[in-house]
Amino acid sequence: MPDCIFCKIVAGQIPAKLVYQDEQVLAFHDISPGAPVHVLIVPRRHIESLAALTEEDAAVMGHLLAAAEPVAQLAGVAASGYRVVFNVGRDAGIAVYHLHAHLLGGRKLSWPPG
């Protein structure tokens, strides 16, 4: 996607503070954090949103979720706890239409969110 900011980060065209990367996903600090630790985990391949997932995306989605624990370890919140959130659509507050998980931690998180 030529105008997707996350695709540009994945391609190295826009700098980001990386936390983790492998062959399928990239994790980097959010530039507008909603918690002391706020890391975005994105697939390297452009998928517009959770609502756009197909059966062919099952492996990358599983990998993205499995990457949350090593990301939390590297971000220093695995022991204290963290939350993984996906936003879908405008009312959920989505800002970038490239599938991404928010990994939040570093403080006690309230429930329900929002």
PDB file of N, CA and C in Angstrom:
ATOM      1  N   MET A   1       0.849  -1.174   0.000  1.00  0.00           N
ATOM      2  CA  MET A   1       0.000   0.000   0.000  1.00  0.00           C
ATOM      3  C   MET A   1       0.897   1.241   0.000  1.00  0.00           C
ATOM      4  N   PRO A   2       0.930   1.994  -1.051  1.00  0.00           N
ATOM      5  CA  PRO A   2       1.895   3.091  -1.170  1.00  0.00           C
ATOM      6  C   PRO A   2       1.742   4.217  -0.146  1.00  0.00           C
ATOM      7  N   ASP A   3       0.524   4.497   0.326  1.00  0.00           N
ATOM      8  CA  ASP A   3       0.337   5.595   1.268  1.00  0.00           C
ATOM      9  C   ASP A   3       0.211   5.147   2.717  1.00  0.00           C
ATOM     10  N   CYS A   4       0.389   3.872   2.999  1.00  0.00           N
ATOM     11  CA  CYS A   4       0.229   3.342   4.352  1.00  0.00           C
ATOM     12  C   CYS A   4       1.484   3.621   5.177  1.00  0.00           C
ATOM     13  N   ILE A   5       1.316   4.352   6.269  1.00  0.00           N
ATOM     14  CA  ILE A   5       2.458   4.712   7.109  1.00  0.00           C
ATOM     15  C   ILE A   5       3.115   3.466   7.712  1.00  0.00           C
ATOM     16  N   PHE A   6       2.330   2.455   8.079  1.00  0.00           N
ATOM     17  CA  PHE A   6       2.925   1.248   8.650  1.00  0.00           C
ATOM     18  C   PHE A   6       3.690   0.463   7.600  1.00  0.00           C
ATOM     19  N   CYS A   7       3.213   0.443   6.366  1.00  0.00           N
ATOM     20  CA  CYS A   7       3.967  -0.201   5.283  1.00  0.00           C
ATOM     21  C   CYS A   7       5.304   0.514   5.080  1.00  0.00           C
ATOM     22  N   LYS A   8       5.295   1.836   5.208  1.00  0.00           N
ATOM     23  CA  LYS A   8       6.537   2.602   5.059  1.00  0.00           C
ATOM     24  C   LYS A   8       7.488   2.318   6.217  1.00  0.00           C
ATOM     25  N   ILE A   9       6.969   2.122   7.422  1.00  0.00           N
ATOM     26  CA  ILE A   9       7.820   1.746   8.561  1.00  0.00           C
ATOM     27  C   ILE A   9       8.409   0.358   8.318  1.00  0.00           C
ATOM     28  N   VAL A  10       7.579  -0.583   7.889  1.00  0.00           N
ATOM     29  CA  VAL A  10       8.048  -1.947   7.594  1.00  0.00           C
ATOM     30  C   VAL A  10       9.150  -1.915   6.534  1.00  0.00           C
ATOM     31  N   ALA A  11       9.002  -1.059   5.526  1.00  0.00           N
ATOM     32  CA  ALA A  11       9.981  -0.953   4.437  1.00  0.00           C
ATOM     33  C   ALA A  11      11.231  -0.168   4.830  1.00  0.00           C
ATOM     34  N   GLY A  12      11.232   0.428   6.020  1.00  0.00           N
ATOM     35  CA  GLY A  12      12.383   1.215   6.457  1.00  0.00           C
ATOM     36  C   GLY A  12      12.407   2.624   5.898  1.00  0.00           C
ATOM     37  N   GLN A  13      11.325   3.072   5.290  1.00  0.00           N
ATOM     38  CA  GLN A  13      11.256   4.411   4.716  1.00  0.00           C
ATOM     39  C   GLN A  13      10.955   5.483   5.760  1.00  0.00           C
ATOM     40  N   ILE A  14      10.344   5.076   6.868  1.00  0.00           N
ATOM     41  CA  ILE A  14      10.052   5.973   7.991  1.00  0.00           C
ATOM     42  C   ILE A  14      10.662   5.332   9.230  1.00  0.00           C
ATOM     43  N   PRO A  15      11.431   6.099  10.014  1.00  0.00           N
ATOM     44  CA  PRO A  15      12.044   5.508  11.201  1.00  0.00           C
ATOM     45  C   PRO A  15      11.014   5.223  12.290  1.00  0.00           C
ATOM     46  N   ALA A  16      11.296   4.217  13.079  1.00  0.00           N
ATOM     47  CA  ALA A  16      10.471   3.864  14.227  1.00  0.00           C
ATOM     48  C   ALA A  16      11.384   3.282  15.294  1.00  0.00           C
ATOM     49  N   LYS A  17      10.958   3.382  16.542  1.00  0.00           N
ATOM     50  CA  LYS A  17      11.711   2.809  17.656  1.00  0.00           C
ATOM     51  C   LYS A  17      11.304   1.339  17.784  1.00  0.00           C
ATOM     52  N   LEU A  18      12.092   0.479  17.154  1.00  0.00           N
ATOM     53  CA  LEU A  18      11.767  -0.947  17.080  1.00  0.00           C
ATOM     54  C   LEU A  18      11.952  -1.650  18.415  1.00  0.00           C
ATOM     55  N   VAL A  19      11.063  -2.595  18.677  1.00  0.00           N
ATOM     56  CA  VAL A  19      11.148  -3.452  19.856  1.00  0.00           C
ATOM     57  C   VAL A  19      11.474  -4.876  19.441  1.00  0.00           C
ATOM     58  N   TYR A  20      10.889  -5.309  18.326  1.00  0.00           N
ATOM     59  CA  TYR A  20      10.994  -6.704  17.898  1.00  0.00           C
ATOM     60  C   TYR A  20      10.737  -6.773  16.403  1.00  0.00           C
ATOM     61  N   GLN A  21      11.379  -7.724  15.762  1.00  0.00           N
ATOM     62  CA  GLN A  21      11.058  -7.993  14.366  1.00  0.00           C
ATOM     63  C   GLN A  21      11.468  -9.410  14.009  1.00  0.00           C
ATOM     64  N   ASP A  22      10.711  -9.990  13.100  1.00  0.00           N
ATOM     65  CA  ASP A  22      11.062 -11.285  12.535  1.00  0.00           C
ATOM     66  C   ASP A  22      10.562 -11.295  11.092  1.00  0.00           C
ATOM     67  N   GLU A  23      10.481 -12.459  10.491  1.00  0.00           N
ATOM     68  CA  GLU A  23      10.140 -12.530   9.073  1.00  0.00           C
ATOM     69  C   GLU A  23       8.681 -12.160   8.777  1.00  0.00           C
ATOM     70  N   GLN A  24       7.812 -12.189   9.794  1.00  0.00           N
ATOM     71  CA  GLN A  24       6.396 -11.926   9.542  1.00  0.00           C
ATOM     72  C   GLN A  24       5.838 -10.664  10.188  1.00  0.00           C
ATOM     73  N   VAL A  25       6.431 -10.220  11.301  1.00  0.00           N
ATOM     74  CA  VAL A  25       5.887  -9.072  12.026  1.00  0.00           C
ATOM     75  C   VAL A  25       6.987  -8.099  12.443  1.00  0.00           C
ATOM     76  N   LEU A  26       6.540  -6.904  12.742  1.00  0.00           N
ATOM     77  CA  LEU A  26       7.416  -5.841  13.244  1.00  0.00           C
ATOM     78  C   LEU A  26       6.698  -5.214  14.434  1.00  0.00           C
ATOM     79  N   ALA A  27       7.422  -4.904  15.491  1.00  0.00           N
ATOM     80  CA  ALA A  27       6.839  -4.255  16.666  1.00  0.00           C
ATOM     81  C   ALA A  27       7.642  -3.002  16.977  1.00  0.00           C
ATOM     82  N   PHE A  28       6.922  -1.906  17.218  1.00  0.00           N
ATOM     83  CA  PHE A  28       7.580  -0.625  17.478  1.00  0.00           C
ATOM     84  C   PHE A  28       6.730   0.206  18.428  1.00  0.00           C
ATOM     85  N   HIS A  29       7.375   1.156  19.097  1.00  0.00           N
ATOM     86  CA  HIS A  29       6.679   2.018  20.047  1.00  0.00           C
ATOM     87  C   HIS A  29       5.719   2.955  19.330  1.00  0.00           C
ATOM     88  N   ASP A  30       4.529   3.111  19.906  1.00  0.00           N
ATOM     89  CA  ASP A  30       3.520   4.033  19.377  1.00  0.00           C
ATOM     90  C   ASP A  30       3.999   5.464  19.625  1.00  0.00           C
ATOM     91  N   ILE A  31       3.799   6.351  18.655  1.00  0.00           N
ATOM     92  CA  ILE A  31       4.247   7.739  18.816  1.00  0.00           C
ATOM     93  C   ILE A  31       3.288   8.553  19.685  1.00  0.00           C
ATOM     94  N   SER A  32       2.091   8.031  19.935  1.00  0.00           N
ATOM     95  CA  SER A  32       1.122   8.675  20.836  1.00  0.00           C
ATOM     96  C   SER A  32       0.680   7.644  21.869  1.00  0.00           C
ATOM     97  N   PRO A  33       1.542   7.326  22.833  1.00  0.00           N
ATOM     98  CA  PRO A  33       1.247   6.220  23.748  1.00  0.00           C
ATOM     99  C   PRO A  33       0.044   6.485  24.641  1.00  0.00           C
ATOM    100  N   GLY A  34      -0.731   5.420  24.848  1.00  0.00           N
ATOM    101  CA  GLY A  34      -1.871   5.465  25.749  1.00  0.00           C
ATOM    102  C   GLY A  34      -1.569   4.830  27.092  1.00  0.00           C
ATOM    103  N   ALA A  35      -0.340   4.401  27.285  1.00  0.00           N
ATOM    104  CA  ALA A  35       0.134   3.795  28.528  1.00  0.00           C
ATOM    105  C   ALA A  35       1.650   3.973  28.546  1.00  0.00           C
ATOM    106  N   PRO A  36       2.287   3.790  29.716  1.00  0.00           N
ATOM    107  CA  PRO A  36       3.747   3.922  29.751  1.00  0.00           C
ATOM    108  C   PRO A  36       4.462   3.031  28.737  1.00  0.00           C
ATOM    109  N   VAL A  37       3.933   1.845  28.502  1.00  0.00           N
ATOM    110  CA  VAL A  37       4.428   0.974  27.429  1.00  0.00           C
ATOM    111  C   VAL A  37       3.286   0.825  26.435  1.00  0.00           C
ATOM    112  N   HIS A  38       3.526   1.220  25.199  1.00  0.00           N
ATOM    113  CA  HIS A  38       2.513   1.114  24.142  1.00  0.00           C
ATOM    114  C   HIS A  38       3.256   0.760  22.857  1.00  0.00           C
ATOM    115  N   VAL A  39       3.196  -0.511  22.528  1.00  0.00           N
ATOM    116  CA  VAL A  39       3.908  -1.038  21.364  1.00  0.00           C
ATOM    117  C   VAL A  39       2.878  -1.532  20.350  1.00  0.00           C
ATOM    118  N   LEU A  40       3.121  -1.232  19.092  1.00  0.00           N
ATOM    119  CA  LEU A  40       2.269  -1.724  18.015  1.00  0.00           C
ATOM    120  C   LEU A  40       2.942  -2.925  17.370  1.00  0.00           C
ATOM    121  N   ILE A  41       2.184  -3.976  17.152  1.00  0.00           N
ATOM    122  CA  ILE A  41       2.684  -5.174  16.471  1.00  0.00           C
ATOM    123  C   ILE A  41       1.933  -5.267  15.149  1.00  0.00           C
ATOM    124  N   VAL A  42       2.656  -5.220  14.042  1.00  0.00           N
ATOM    125  CA  VAL A  42       2.036  -5.191  12.718  1.00  0.00           C
ATOM    126  C   VAL A  42       2.582  -6.327  11.860  1.00  0.00           C
ATOM    127  N   PRO A  43       1.736  -6.902  11.003  1.00  0.00           N
ATOM    128  CA  PRO A  43       2.271  -7.850  10.033  1.00  0.00           C
ATOM    129  C   PRO A  43       3.059  -7.092   8.974  1.00  0.00           C
ATOM    130  N   ARG A  44       4.097  -7.685   8.471  1.00  0.00           N
ATOM    131  CA  ARG A  44       4.876  -7.042   7.406  1.00  0.00           C
ATOM    132  C   ARG A  44       4.042  -6.876   6.134  1.00  0.00           C
ATOM    133  N   ARG A  45       3.170  -7.819   5.886  1.00  0.00           N
ATOM    134  CA  ARG A  45       2.285  -7.762   4.723  1.00  0.00           C
ATOM    135  C   ARG A  45       1.072  -6.902   5.071  1.00  0.00           C
ATOM    136  N   HIS A  46       0.688  -6.045   4.154  1.00  0.00           N
ATOM    137  CA  HIS A  46      -0.455  -5.164   4.404  1.00  0.00           C
ATOM    138  C   HIS A  46      -1.755  -5.958   4.435  1.00  0.00           C
ATOM    139  N   ILE A  47      -2.437  -5.861   5.553  1.00  0.00           N
ATOM    140  CA  ILE A  47      -3.801  -6.355   5.726  1.00  0.00           C
ATOM    141  C   ILE A  47      -4.542  -5.163   6.310  1.00  0.00           C
ATOM    142  N   GLU A  48      -5.644  -4.774   5.706  1.00  0.00           N
ATOM    143  CA  GLU A  48      -6.288  -3.520   6.090  1.00  0.00           C
ATOM    144  C   GLU A  48      -6.758  -3.492   7.542  1.00  0.00           C
ATOM    145  N   SER A  49      -7.403  -4.550   8.019  1.00  0.00           N
ATOM    146  CA  SER A  49      -7.895  -4.563   9.400  1.00  0.00           C
ATOM    147  C   SER A  49      -8.268  -5.976   9.806  1.00  0.00           C
ATOM    148  N   LEU A  50      -8.634  -6.125  11.045  1.00  0.00           N
ATOM    149  CA  LEU A  50      -9.101  -7.411  11.555  1.00  0.00           C
ATOM    150  C   LEU A  50     -10.326  -7.874  10.763  1.00  0.00           C
ATOM    151  N   ALA A  51     -11.155  -6.928  10.357  1.00  0.00           N
ATOM    152  CA  ALA A  51     -12.360  -7.254   9.592  1.00  0.00           C
ATOM    153  C   ALA A  51     -12.039  -7.750   8.187  1.00  0.00           C
ATOM    154  N   ALA A  52     -10.846  -7.502   7.704  1.00  0.00           N
ATOM    155  CA  ALA A  52     -10.466  -7.915   6.354  1.00  0.00           C
ATOM    156  C   ALA A  52      -9.742  -9.262   6.328  1.00  0.00           C
ATOM    157  N   LEU A  53      -9.569  -9.907   7.475  1.00  0.00           N
ATOM    158  CA  LEU A  53      -8.864 -11.184   7.523  1.00  0.00           C
ATOM    159  C   LEU A  53      -9.597 -12.257   6.728  1.00  0.00           C
ATOM    160  N   THR A  54      -8.813 -13.118   6.097  1.00  0.00           N
ATOM    161  CA  THR A  54      -9.352 -14.271   5.387  1.00  0.00           C
ATOM    162  C   THR A  54      -8.684 -15.521   5.945  1.00  0.00           C
ATOM    163  N   GLU A  55      -9.128 -16.675   5.513  1.00  0.00           N
ATOM    164  CA  GLU A  55      -8.515 -17.937   5.937  1.00  0.00           C
ATOM    165  C   GLU A  55      -7.017 -17.953   5.633  1.00  0.00           C
ATOM    166  N   GLU A  56      -6.621 -17.318   4.539  1.00  0.00           N
ATOM    167  CA  GLU A  56      -5.205 -17.281   4.161  1.00  0.00           C
ATOM    168  C   GLU A  56      -4.360 -16.472   5.153  1.00  0.00           C
ATOM    169  N   ASP A  57      -5.000 -15.660   5.971  1.00  0.00           N
ATOM    170  CA  ASP A  57      -4.281 -14.827   6.941  1.00  0.00           C
ATOM    171  C   ASP A  57      -4.130 -15.491   8.304  1.00  0.00           C
ATOM    172  N   ALA A  58      -4.668 -16.696   8.465  1.00  0.00           N
ATOM    173  CA  ALA A  58      -4.663 -17.350   9.771  1.00  0.00           C
ATOM    174  C   ALA A  58      -3.254 -17.529  10.334  1.00  0.00           C
ATOM    175  N   ALA A  59      -2.314 -17.936   9.510  1.00  0.00           N
ATOM    176  CA  ALA A  59      -0.953 -18.183  10.003  1.00  0.00           C
ATOM    177  C   ALA A  59      -0.277 -16.895  10.470  1.00  0.00           C
ATOM    178  N   VAL A  60      -0.396 -15.823   9.687  1.00  0.00           N
ATOM    179  CA  VAL A  60       0.243 -14.567  10.090  1.00  0.00           C
ATOM    180  C   VAL A  60      -0.444 -13.991  11.321  1.00  0.00           C
ATOM    181  N   MET A  61      -1.756 -14.165  11.430  1.00  0.00           N
ATOM    182  CA  MET A  61      -2.464 -13.658  12.604  1.00  0.00           C
ATOM    183  C   MET A  61      -2.051 -14.429  13.853  1.00  0.00           C
ATOM    184  N   GLY A  62      -1.944 -15.742  13.732  1.00  0.00           N
ATOM    185  CA  GLY A  62      -1.469 -16.544  14.854  1.00  0.00           C
ATOM    186  C   GLY A  62      -0.058 -16.152  15.254  1.00  0.00           C
ATOM    187  N   HIS A  63       0.779 -15.889  14.276  1.00  0.00           N
ATOM    188  CA  HIS A  63       2.150 -15.476  14.545  1.00  0.00           C
ATOM    189  C   HIS A  63       2.182 -14.117  15.235  1.00  0.00           C
ATOM    190  N   LEU A  64       1.340 -13.205  14.778  1.00  0.00           N
ATOM    191  CA  LEU A  64       1.278 -11.874  15.396  1.00  0.00           C
ATOM    192  C   LEU A  64       0.901 -12.003  16.873  1.00  0.00           C
ATOM    193  N   LEU A  65      -0.097 -12.818  17.174  1.00  0.00           N
ATOM    194  CA  LEU A  65      -0.500 -12.998  18.574  1.00  0.00           C
ATOM    195  C   LEU A  65       0.597 -13.686  19.390  1.00  0.00           C
ATOM    196  N   ALA A  66       1.251 -14.671  18.798  1.00  0.00           N
ATOM    197  CA  ALA A  66       2.340 -15.350  19.506  1.00  0.00           C
ATOM    198  C   ALA A  66       3.513 -14.414  19.764  1.00  0.00           C
ATOM    199  N   ALA A  67       3.694 -13.405  18.925  1.00  0.00           N
ATOM    200  CA  ALA A  67       4.790 -12.443  19.111  1.00  0.00           C
ATOM    201  C   ALA A  67       4.549 -11.521  20.292  1.00  0.00           C
ATOM    202  N   ALA A  68       3.312 -11.436  20.784  1.00  0.00           N
ATOM    203  CA  ALA A  68       3.011 -10.530  21.895  1.00  0.00           C
ATOM    204  C   ALA A  68       3.858 -10.838  23.132  1.00  0.00           C
ATOM    205  N   GLU A  69       4.048 -12.096  23.468  1.00  0.00           N
ATOM    206  CA  GLU A  69       4.825 -12.425  24.677  1.00  0.00           C
ATOM    207  C   GLU A  69       6.294 -12.018  24.552  1.00  0.00           C
ATOM    208  N   PRO A  70       7.004 -12.347  23.474  1.00  0.00           N
ATOM    209  CA  PRO A  70       8.374 -11.852  23.384  1.00  0.00           C
ATOM    210  C   PRO A  70       8.451 -10.322  23.337  1.00  0.00           C
ATOM    211  N   VAL A  71       7.475  -9.681  22.716  1.00  0.00           N
ATOM    212  CA  VAL A  71       7.447  -8.210  22.703  1.00  0.00           C
ATOM    213  C   VAL A  71       7.278  -7.703  24.134  1.00  0.00           C
ATOM    214  N   ALA A  72       6.355  -8.300  24.882  1.00  0.00           N
ATOM    215  CA  ALA A  72       6.151  -7.895  26.280  1.00  0.00           C
ATOM    216  C   ALA A  72       7.403  -8.119  27.111  1.00  0.00           C
ATOM    217  N   GLN A  73       8.100  -9.223  26.865  1.00  0.00           N
ATOM    218  CA  GLN A  73       9.370  -9.482  27.569  1.00  0.00           C
ATOM    219  C   GLN A  73      10.365  -8.369  27.264  1.00  0.00           C
ATOM    220  N   LEU A  74      10.543  -8.067  25.993  1.00  0.00           N
ATOM    221  CA  LEU A  74      11.512  -7.042  25.589  1.00  0.00           C
ATOM    222  C   LEU A  74      11.116  -5.651  26.079  1.00  0.00           C
ATOM    223  N   ALA A  75       9.814  -5.385  26.195  1.00  0.00           N
ATOM    224  CA  ALA A  75       9.331  -4.082  26.656  1.00  0.00           C
ATOM    225  C   ALA A  75       9.292  -3.987  28.179  1.00  0.00           C
ATOM    226  N   GLY A  76       9.558  -5.099  28.862  1.00  0.00           N
ATOM    227  CA  GLY A  76       9.640  -5.088  30.318  1.00  0.00           C
ATOM    228  C   GLY A  76       8.315  -5.174  31.054  1.00  0.00           C
ATOM    229  N   VAL A  77       7.262  -5.677  30.396  1.00  0.00           N
ATOM    230  CA  VAL A  77       5.962  -5.741  31.065  1.00  0.00           C
ATOM    231  C   VAL A  77       5.399  -7.160  31.175  1.00  0.00           C
ATOM    232  N   ALA A  78       6.148  -8.151  30.759  1.00  0.00           N
ATOM    233  CA  ALA A  78       5.639  -9.522  30.776  1.00  0.00           C
ATOM    234  C   ALA A  78       5.320  -9.982  32.200  1.00  0.00           C
ATOM    235  N   ALA A  79       6.159  -9.659  33.149  1.00  0.00           N
ATOM    236  CA  ALA A  79       5.947 -10.121  34.518  1.00  0.00           C
ATOM    237  C   ALA A  79       4.794  -9.394  35.209  1.00  0.00           C
ATOM    238  N   SER A  80       4.638  -8.112  34.955  1.00  0.00           N
ATOM    239  CA  SER A  80       3.596  -7.332  35.632  1.00  0.00           C
ATOM    240  C   SER A  80       2.243  -7.424  34.940  1.00  0.00           C
ATOM    241  N   GLY A  81       2.244  -7.727  33.658  1.00  0.00           N
ATOM    242  CA  GLY A  81       1.002  -7.878  32.904  1.00  0.00           C
ATOM    243  C   GLY A  81       0.871  -6.854  31.799  1.00  0.00           C
ATOM    244  N   TYR A  82       0.103  -7.226  30.799  1.00  0.00           N
ATOM    245  CA  TYR A  82      -0.087  -6.361  29.637  1.00  0.00           C
ATOM    246  C   TYR A  82      -1.417  -6.703  28.984  1.00  0.00           C
ATOM    247  N   ARG A  83      -1.860  -5.819  28.128  1.00  0.00           N
ATOM    248  CA  ARG A  83      -3.106  -6.011  27.390  1.00  0.00           C
ATOM    249  C   ARG A  83      -2.793  -5.938  25.897  1.00  0.00           C
ATOM    250  N   VAL A  84      -3.478  -6.766  25.110  1.00  0.00           N
ATOM    251  CA  VAL A  84      -3.358  -6.735  23.649  1.00  0.00           C
ATOM    252  C   VAL A  84      -4.729  -6.376  23.094  1.00  0.00           C
ATOM    253  N   VAL A  85      -4.769  -5.305  22.292  1.00  0.00           N
ATOM    254  CA  VAL A  85      -6.040  -4.772  21.793  1.00  0.00           C
ATOM    255  C   VAL A  85      -5.967  -4.582  20.286  1.00  0.00           C
ATOM    256  N   PHE A  86      -7.078  -4.910  19.613  1.00  0.00           N
ATOM    257  CA  PHE A  86      -7.251  -4.606  18.196  1.00  0.00           C
ATOM    258  C   PHE A  86      -8.429  -3.650  18.080  1.00  0.00           C
ATOM    259  N   ASN A  87      -8.272  -2.587  17.326  1.00  0.00           N
ATOM    260  CA  ASN A  87      -9.361  -1.664  17.038  1.00  0.00           C
ATOM    261  C   ASN A  87      -9.838  -1.908  15.614  1.00  0.00           C
ATOM    262  N   VAL A  88     -11.154  -1.904  15.423  1.00  0.00           N
ATOM    263  CA  VAL A  88     -11.728  -2.114  14.101  1.00  0.00           C
ATOM    264  C   VAL A  88     -12.727  -0.992  13.842  1.00  0.00           C
ATOM    265  N   GLY A  89     -12.437  -0.152  12.867  1.00  0.00           N
ATOM    266  CA  GLY A  89     -13.358   0.907  12.468  1.00  0.00           C
ATOM    267  C   GLY A  89     -13.210   2.204  13.238  1.00  0.00           C
ATOM    268  N   ARG A  90     -13.859   3.227  12.714  1.00  0.00           N
ATOM    269  CA  ARG A  90     -13.755   4.584  13.267  1.00  0.00           C
ATOM    270  C   ARG A  90     -14.201   4.679  14.713  1.00  0.00           C
ATOM    271  N   ASP A  91     -15.333   4.065  15.050  1.00  0.00           N
ATOM    272  CA  ASP A  91     -15.845   4.177  16.412  1.00  0.00           C
ATOM    273  C   ASP A  91     -14.920   3.536  17.444  1.00  0.00           C
ATOM    274  N   ALA A  92     -14.083   2.629  17.015  1.00  0.00           N
ATOM    275  CA  ALA A  92     -13.113   2.009  17.918  1.00  0.00           C
ATOM    276  C   ALA A  92     -11.845   2.845  18.048  1.00  0.00           C
ATOM    277  N   GLY A  93     -11.718   3.873  17.212  1.00  0.00           N
ATOM    278  CA  GLY A  93     -10.566   4.763  17.308  1.00  0.00           C
ATOM    279  C   GLY A  93      -9.424   4.407  16.385  1.00  0.00           C
ATOM    280  N   ILE A  94      -9.673   3.615  15.363  1.00  0.00           N
ATOM    281  CA  ILE A  94      -8.594   3.244  14.453  1.00  0.00           C
ATOM    282  C   ILE A  94      -8.080   4.485  13.724  1.00  0.00           C
ATOM    283  N   ALA A  95      -6.768   4.599  13.628  1.00  0.00           N
ATOM    284  CA  ALA A  95      -6.159   5.746  12.954  1.00  0.00           C
ATOM    285  C   ALA A  95      -5.418   5.325  11.685  1.00  0.00           C
ATOM    286  N   VAL A  96      -4.886   4.109  11.668  1.00  0.00           N
ATOM    287  CA  VAL A  96      -4.141   3.608  10.514  1.00  0.00           C
ATOM    288  C   VAL A  96      -4.781   2.300  10.072  1.00  0.00           C
ATOM    289  N   TYR A  97      -5.156   2.244   8.805  1.00  0.00           N
ATOM    290  CA  TYR A  97      -5.799   1.049   8.266  1.00  0.00           C
ATOM    291  C   TYR A  97      -4.755   0.066   7.737  1.00  0.00           C
ATOM    292  N   HIS A  98      -3.998  -0.478   8.684  1.00  0.00           N
ATOM    293  CA  HIS A  98      -3.063  -1.590   8.488  1.00  0.00           C
ATOM    294  C   HIS A  98      -3.203  -2.383   9.776  1.00  0.00           C
ATOM    295  N   LEU A  99      -3.599  -3.629   9.684  1.00  0.00           N
ATOM    296  CA  LEU A  99      -3.821  -4.444  10.871  1.00  0.00           C
ATOM    297  C   LEU A  99      -2.707  -4.252  11.882  1.00  0.00           C
ATOM    298  N   HIS A 100      -3.066  -3.995  13.132  1.00  0.00           N
ATOM    299  CA  HIS A 100      -2.064  -3.864  14.182  1.00  0.00           C
ATOM    300  C   HIS A 100      -2.677  -4.152  15.543  1.00  0.00           C
ATOM    301  N   ALA A 101      -1.862  -4.720  16.400  1.00  0.00           N
ATOM    302  CA  ALA A 101      -2.241  -4.964  17.784  1.00  0.00           C
ATOM    303  C   ALA A 101      -1.533  -3.933  18.645  1.00  0.00           C
ATOM    304  N   HIS A 102      -2.250  -3.414  19.617  1.00  0.00           N
ATOM    305  CA  HIS A 102      -1.665  -2.518  20.612  1.00  0.00           C
ATOM    306  C   HIS A 102      -1.300  -3.370  21.819  1.00  0.00           C
ATOM    307  N   LEU A 103      -0.044  -3.360  22.222  1.00  0.00           N
ATOM    308  CA  LEU A 103       0.383  -4.015  23.448  1.00  0.00           C
ATOM    309  C   LEU A 103       0.596  -2.906  24.465  1.00  0.00           C
ATOM    310  N   LEU A 104      -0.221  -2.922  25.525  1.00  0.00           N
ATOM    311  CA  LEU A 104      -0.221  -1.859  26.526  1.00  0.00           C
ATOM    312  C   LEU A 104       0.180  -2.409  27.882  1.00  0.00           C
ATOM    313  N   GLY A 105       0.955  -1.642  28.627  1.00  0.00           N
ATOM    314  CA  GLY A 105       1.349  -2.058  29.969  1.00  0.00           C
ATOM    315  C   GLY A 105       2.121  -0.959  30.662  1.00  0.00           C
ATOM    316  N   GLY A 106       2.755  -1.339  31.760  1.00  0.00           N
ATOM    317  CA  GLY A 106       3.563  -0.380  32.502  1.00  0.00           C
ATOM    318  C   GLY A 106       2.807   0.337  33.605  1.00  0.00           C
ATOM    319  N   ARG A 107       1.522   0.049  33.758  1.00  0.00           N
ATOM    320  CA  ARG A 107       0.695   0.573  34.842  1.00  0.00           C
ATOM    321  C   ARG A 107      -0.525  -0.335  34.973  1.00  0.00           C
ATOM    322  N   LYS A 108      -1.267  -0.186  36.064  1.00  0.00           N
ATOM    323  CA  LYS A 108      -2.500  -0.948  36.228  1.00  0.00           C
ATOM    324  C   LYS A 108      -3.509  -0.420  35.215  1.00  0.00           C
ATOM    325  N   LEU A 109      -4.032  -1.298  34.410  1.00  0.00           N
ATOM    326  CA  LEU A 109      -4.991  -0.933  33.372  1.00  0.00           C
ATOM    327  C   LEU A 109      -6.413  -1.149  33.887  1.00  0.00           C
ATOM    328  N   SER A 110      -7.290  -0.209  33.650  1.00  0.00           N
ATOM    329  CA  SER A 110      -8.654  -0.319  34.147  1.00  0.00           C
ATOM    330  C   SER A 110      -9.521  -1.154  33.205  1.00  0.00           C
ATOM    331  N   TRP A 111     -10.643  -1.604  33.741  1.00  0.00           N
ATOM    332  CA  TRP A 111     -11.613  -2.353  32.944  1.00  0.00           C
ATOM    333  C   TRP A 111     -12.994  -1.878  33.294  1.00  0.00           C
ATOM    334  N   PRO A 112     -13.883  -1.648  32.407  1.00  0.00           N
ATOM    335  CA  PRO A 112     -13.692  -1.834  30.975  1.00  0.00           C
ATOM    336  C   PRO A 112     -12.898  -0.687  30.368  1.00  0.00           C
ATOM    337  N   PRO A 113     -12.235  -0.955  29.259  1.00  0.00           N
ATOM    338  CA  PRO A 113     -11.464   0.122  28.608  1.00  0.00           C
ATOM    339  C   PRO A 113     -12.410   1.103  27.934  1.00  0.00           C
ATOM    340  N   GLY A 114     -11.912   2.296  27.700  1.00  0.00           N
ATOM    341  CA  GLY A 114     -12.674   3.296  26.940  1.00  0.00           C
ATOM    342  C   GLY A 114     -13.813   3.830  27.687  1.00  0.00           C
TER     343      GLY A 114
END
